[in-house]
């Protein structure tokens, strides 16, 4: 689960150990009850039943939690589902990584290239594929070590290396103009690539879409940054290394947290704003279960060394910056900072939306990307206007009031972006 980049490992251990305690406590109480032992005022029968309940909750709790937390997909709206079949490429890289790339739409159309968030996969872009593959060539790929891409031989996941993989995917899309879109670490990879890219390749890029991402060490732009940043060396980095060393144990904890529903609860609290559907919550929770803890921890260590603030003023292309109003993983201040520093930036804030606002508010997000792409690829066309008020615009989809788009003009707290 990509809950809050480096804070995620603390949550992995917390909820994992809680799940182990739930299972172990249930088994102990069942054993005590069967042996005629009571606990305090509770007799053996009560102890046995409580233990049986805890044991059942540890293994089946996700079915209860899922119905309690996830919303049903509203009638007339698109339910999140696996990506359909597309044109698949397998790119073999010099470091041994094999990148899984899938394309949808006409081969000669302008390209929208999507890079997903950490611990997720290209399947994150289901709504983008459904809404945009037609007028555009939609290309999604799995970062190395995640989804259906294999990792490098040396298990290095630094941002510069990932940017090199992104360049290989860009080159494989052909000569058409391209818009690069990234979510969370996907946006970090794009900004890192913009620093490293040659002018000839950079000129192919018609625009950037940076969704729920940050221009600097994500520990500094996450919820609780004032507490976590000073603990980077003494707690966060050691926890990452401990996760690598004890990765088999972490896999067991992740499995128990998933079965008990604690993974769903964690994602509900830290990834969404409470408007997610059951399918969206299931997807994010399963993605965290499938992710290799070693890959997750090494990637998080690499993010601690990331800083692309110097790149922002040099970007020569239009940039759409998308944030969520209650994003705990990447605070809105990070999006506002990028809007102020990027010369041709347009900022859009989804509300209510968390770190996965592009899923729970997919109608607003895809409309914003569609309008941005239309303007980038054909500047002579005007984007379809939405109904506006002085501070926000409300989108309407399938007869239902949609989420709000908060644009330029609103002041956000940017204190977390100051130098430590």
Foldseek 3Di string as FASTA:
>chain_A
DPQFQLVVLVVLVVLLVVLVCLQVQLVVLLVCLVVFHADVPGTSVVSNVVSVVSNCLLQAQQVVLLVVQFDADDPPDDDQDFADAFDWDWDQDPQGKTKIKGKAADLPAEEEEEEEDPLAAQRLCRLLCVQPRYNHIYMYIGQDQADPMHHGPVLADALLVSLVVVVVVLVVSDQAAYEYEYAAVSLLSVLSNLVVDDPVSLVSYLEYEYELYFQAQLCLFAAPSVPVVVCCVVPSLVSLVVCLVPQVSSLSSLNSSNSSSVLLVSCSVRFWPSQHHSSVSVNSSVSNNPGRSNSSSSNSVSSNVGHNLVSQQVRPHAYEYEEACAARNGHVLRSVSSQVRHPRYKYKYWPNTYSSNCRSQVVVVSLVVVQVVCCSVPVVDHRDDADDDPAWGWDARSNDIGIIIGIPDDDDDNVSVDDD
